[in-house]
Amino acid sequence: MKMDLLTSLYVFMLAAFIGFEVIRQISPLLHTPLMSLTNALDAIAVVGAILLTGEHRSTLSTILGALAIVAATSNVVGGFLITDRMLKMFKSSSPKK
């Protein structure tokens, strides 16, 4: 089944809205495990973007795929940095004996 651009944009906006609402309801205690999970999902998005970019269907799809690779990779790196910073907050700051 081939979807047109308008249908694809509608599905994207609906998924973004539902995702935002779900994340907004998460307890702050679960944010660190949730960040780790989203890092794994973003890694899947990077692989998908690489596969789609490698197909070279059109110039536009190649450009959008390259942008998706950059965006998803920066999201993965930023997520790992934030998760690492959050985990360091749980470590004690006193020197070990």
C-alpha atoms as a PDB file:
ATOM      1  CA  MET A   1       0.000   0.000   0.000  1.00  0.00           C
ATOM      2  CA  LYS A   2       1.544   3.276  -1.093  1.00  0.00           C
ATOM      3  CA  MET A   3       0.728   6.315   1.017  1.00  0.00           C
ATOM      4  CA  ASP A   4       0.841   9.818  -0.339  1.00  0.00           C
ATOM      5  CA  LEU A   5       2.716  12.676   1.310  1.00  0.00           C
ATOM      6  CA  LEU A   6      -0.313  14.164   3.056  1.00  0.00           C
ATOM      7  CA  THR A   7      -1.243  10.848   4.666  1.00  0.00           C
ATOM      8  CA  SER A   8       2.362  10.299   5.744  1.00  0.00           C
ATOM      9  CA  LEU A   9       2.515  13.766   7.327  1.00  0.00           C
ATOM     10  CA  TYR A  10      -0.774  13.110   9.124  1.00  0.00           C
ATOM     11  CA  VAL A  11       0.545   9.834  10.562  1.00  0.00           C
ATOM     12  CA  PHE A  12       3.790  11.558  11.603  1.00  0.00           C
ATOM     13  CA  MET A  13       1.976  14.402  13.376  1.00  0.00           C
ATOM     14  CA  LEU A  14      -0.378  11.972  15.116  1.00  0.00           C
ATOM     15  CA  ALA A  15       2.533   9.793  16.277  1.00  0.00           C
ATOM     16  CA  ALA A  16       4.427  12.861  17.522  1.00  0.00           C
ATOM     17  CA  PHE A  17       1.394  14.094  19.484  1.00  0.00           C
ATOM     18  CA  ILE A  18       0.704  10.689  21.045  1.00  0.00           C
ATOM     19  CA  GLY A  19       4.400  10.229  21.871  1.00  0.00           C
ATOM     20  CA  PHE A  20       4.526  13.658  23.534  1.00  0.00           C
ATOM     21  CA  GLU A  21       1.446  12.914  25.614  1.00  0.00           C
ATOM     22  CA  VAL A  22       2.792   9.527  26.710  1.00  0.00           C
ATOM     23  CA  ILE A  23       6.210  10.933  27.678  1.00  0.00           C
ATOM     24  CA  ARG A  24       4.617  13.830  29.549  1.00  0.00           C
ATOM     25  CA  GLN A  25       2.802  11.387  31.857  1.00  0.00           C
ATOM     26  CA  ILE A  26       6.007   9.531  32.879  1.00  0.00           C
ATOM     27  CA  SER A  27       7.153   9.876  36.489  1.00  0.00           C
ATOM     28  CA  PRO A  28      10.487  11.735  36.947  1.00  0.00           C
ATOM     29  CA  LEU A  29      11.890   8.614  38.651  1.00  0.00           C
ATOM     30  CA  LEU A  30      11.616   6.737  35.372  1.00  0.00           C
ATOM     31  CA  HIS A  31      13.368   9.310  33.185  1.00  0.00           C
ATOM     32  CA  THR A  32      16.818   7.658  33.302  1.00  0.00           C
ATOM     33  CA  PRO A  33      15.591   4.208  32.183  1.00  0.00           C
ATOM     34  CA  LEU A  34      13.358   5.908  29.638  1.00  0.00           C
ATOM     35  CA  MET A  35      16.339   7.812  28.200  1.00  0.00           C
ATOM     36  CA  SER A  36      18.233   4.532  27.824  1.00  0.00           C
ATOM     37  CA  LEU A  37      15.286   3.019  25.982  1.00  0.00           C
ATOM     38  CA  THR A  38      14.934   5.990  23.653  1.00  0.00           C
ATOM     39  CA  ASN A  39      18.659   5.800  22.875  1.00  0.00           C
ATOM     40  CA  ALA A  40      18.114   2.235  21.676  1.00  0.00           C
ATOM     41  CA  LEU A  41      15.138   3.324  19.577  1.00  0.00           C
ATOM     42  CA  ASP A  42      17.140   6.195  18.091  1.00  0.00           C
ATOM     43  CA  ALA A  43      19.866   3.736  17.121  1.00  0.00           C
ATOM     44  CA  ILE A  44      17.228   1.808  15.173  1.00  0.00           C
ATOM     45  CA  ALA A  45      16.223   5.081  13.491  1.00  0.00           C
ATOM     46  CA  VAL A  46      19.857   5.652  12.459  1.00  0.00           C
ATOM     47  CA  VAL A  47      20.031   2.201  10.856  1.00  0.00           C
ATOM     48  CA  GLY A  48      16.727   2.783   9.060  1.00  0.00           C
ATOM     49  CA  ALA A  49      17.871   6.167   7.783  1.00  0.00           C
ATOM     50  CA  ILE A  50      21.125   4.662   6.510  1.00  0.00           C
ATOM     51  CA  LEU A  51      19.210   1.940   4.667  1.00  0.00           C
ATOM     52  CA  LEU A  52      16.798   4.412   3.079  1.00  0.00           C
ATOM     53  CA  THR A  53      19.579   6.805   2.104  1.00  0.00           C
ATOM     54  CA  GLY A  54      21.548   3.971   0.534  1.00  0.00           C
ATOM     55  CA  GLU A  55      18.714   3.142  -1.859  1.00  0.00           C
ATOM     56  CA  HIS A  56      19.214   6.414  -3.844  1.00  0.00           C
ATOM     57  CA  ARG A  57      15.599   6.511  -5.025  1.00  0.00           C
ATOM     58  CA  SER A  58      15.750  10.257  -5.681  1.00  0.00           C
ATOM     59  CA  THR A  59      17.867  13.255  -4.806  1.00  0.00           C
ATOM     60  CA  LEU A  60      15.263  14.473  -2.313  1.00  0.00           C
ATOM     61  CA  SER A  61      15.111  11.120  -0.519  1.00  0.00           C
ATOM     62  CA  THR A  62      18.913  11.010  -0.322  1.00  0.00           C
ATOM     63  CA  ILE A  63      19.074  14.522   1.148  1.00  0.00           C
ATOM     64  CA  LEU A  64      16.274  13.838   3.637  1.00  0.00           C
ATOM     65  CA  GLY A  65      17.891  10.521   4.552  1.00  0.00           C
ATOM     66  CA  ALA A  66      21.220  12.245   5.208  1.00  0.00           C
ATOM     67  CA  LEU A  67      19.453  14.814   7.394  1.00  0.00           C
ATOM     68  CA  ALA A  68      17.711  11.969   9.238  1.00  0.00           C
ATOM     69  CA  ILE A  69      21.062  10.274   9.850  1.00  0.00           C
ATOM     70  CA  VAL A  70      22.553  13.472  11.271  1.00  0.00           C
ATOM     71  CA  ALA A  71      19.501  14.221  13.428  1.00  0.00           C
ATOM     72  CA  ALA A  72      19.150  10.690  14.804  1.00  0.00           C
ATOM     73  CA  THR A  73      22.890  10.368  15.466  1.00  0.00           C
ATOM     74  CA  SER A  74      22.983  13.668  17.342  1.00  0.00           C
ATOM     75  CA  ASN A  75      19.953  12.494  19.309  1.00  0.00           C
ATOM     76  CA  VAL A  76      21.706   9.237  20.244  1.00  0.00           C
ATOM     77  CA  VAL A  77      24.907  11.021  21.314  1.00  0.00           C
ATOM     78  CA  GLY A  78      23.003  13.663  23.266  1.00  0.00           C
ATOM     79  CA  GLY A  79      20.861  11.004  24.912  1.00  0.00           C
ATOM     80  CA  PHE A  80      23.894   9.066  26.064  1.00  0.00           C
ATOM     81  CA  LEU A  81      25.514  12.235  27.426  1.00  0.00           C
ATOM     82  CA  ILE A  82      22.367  13.185  29.320  1.00  0.00           C
ATOM     83  CA  THR A  83      21.899   9.646  30.657  1.00  0.00           C
ATOM     84  CA  ASP A  84      25.517   9.553  31.804  1.00  0.00           C
ATOM     85  CA  ARG A  85      25.094  12.897  33.562  1.00  0.00           C
ATOM     86  CA  MET A  86      21.897  11.711  35.247  1.00  0.00           C
ATOM     87  CA  LEU A  87      23.578   8.505  36.435  1.00  0.00           C
ATOM     88  CA  LYS A  88      26.531  10.485  37.842  1.00  0.00           C
ATOM     89  CA  MET A  89      24.062  12.376  40.029  1.00  0.00           C
ATOM     90  CA  PHE A  90      23.299   9.120  41.871  1.00  0.00           C
ATOM     91  CA  LYS A  91      26.949   8.433  42.704  1.00  0.00           C
ATOM     92  CA  SER A  92      28.303   9.692  46.000  1.00  0.00           C
ATOM     93  CA  SER A  93      30.724  12.594  45.828  1.00  0.00           C
ATOM     94  CA  SER A  94      32.754  11.522  48.876  1.00  0.00           C
ATOM     95  CA  PRO A  95      36.208  10.007  48.213  1.00  0.00           C
ATOM     96  CA  LYS A  96      36.521   6.227  48.479  1.00  0.00           C
ATOM     97  CA  LYS A  97      38.484   4.750  51.374  1.00  0.00           C
END
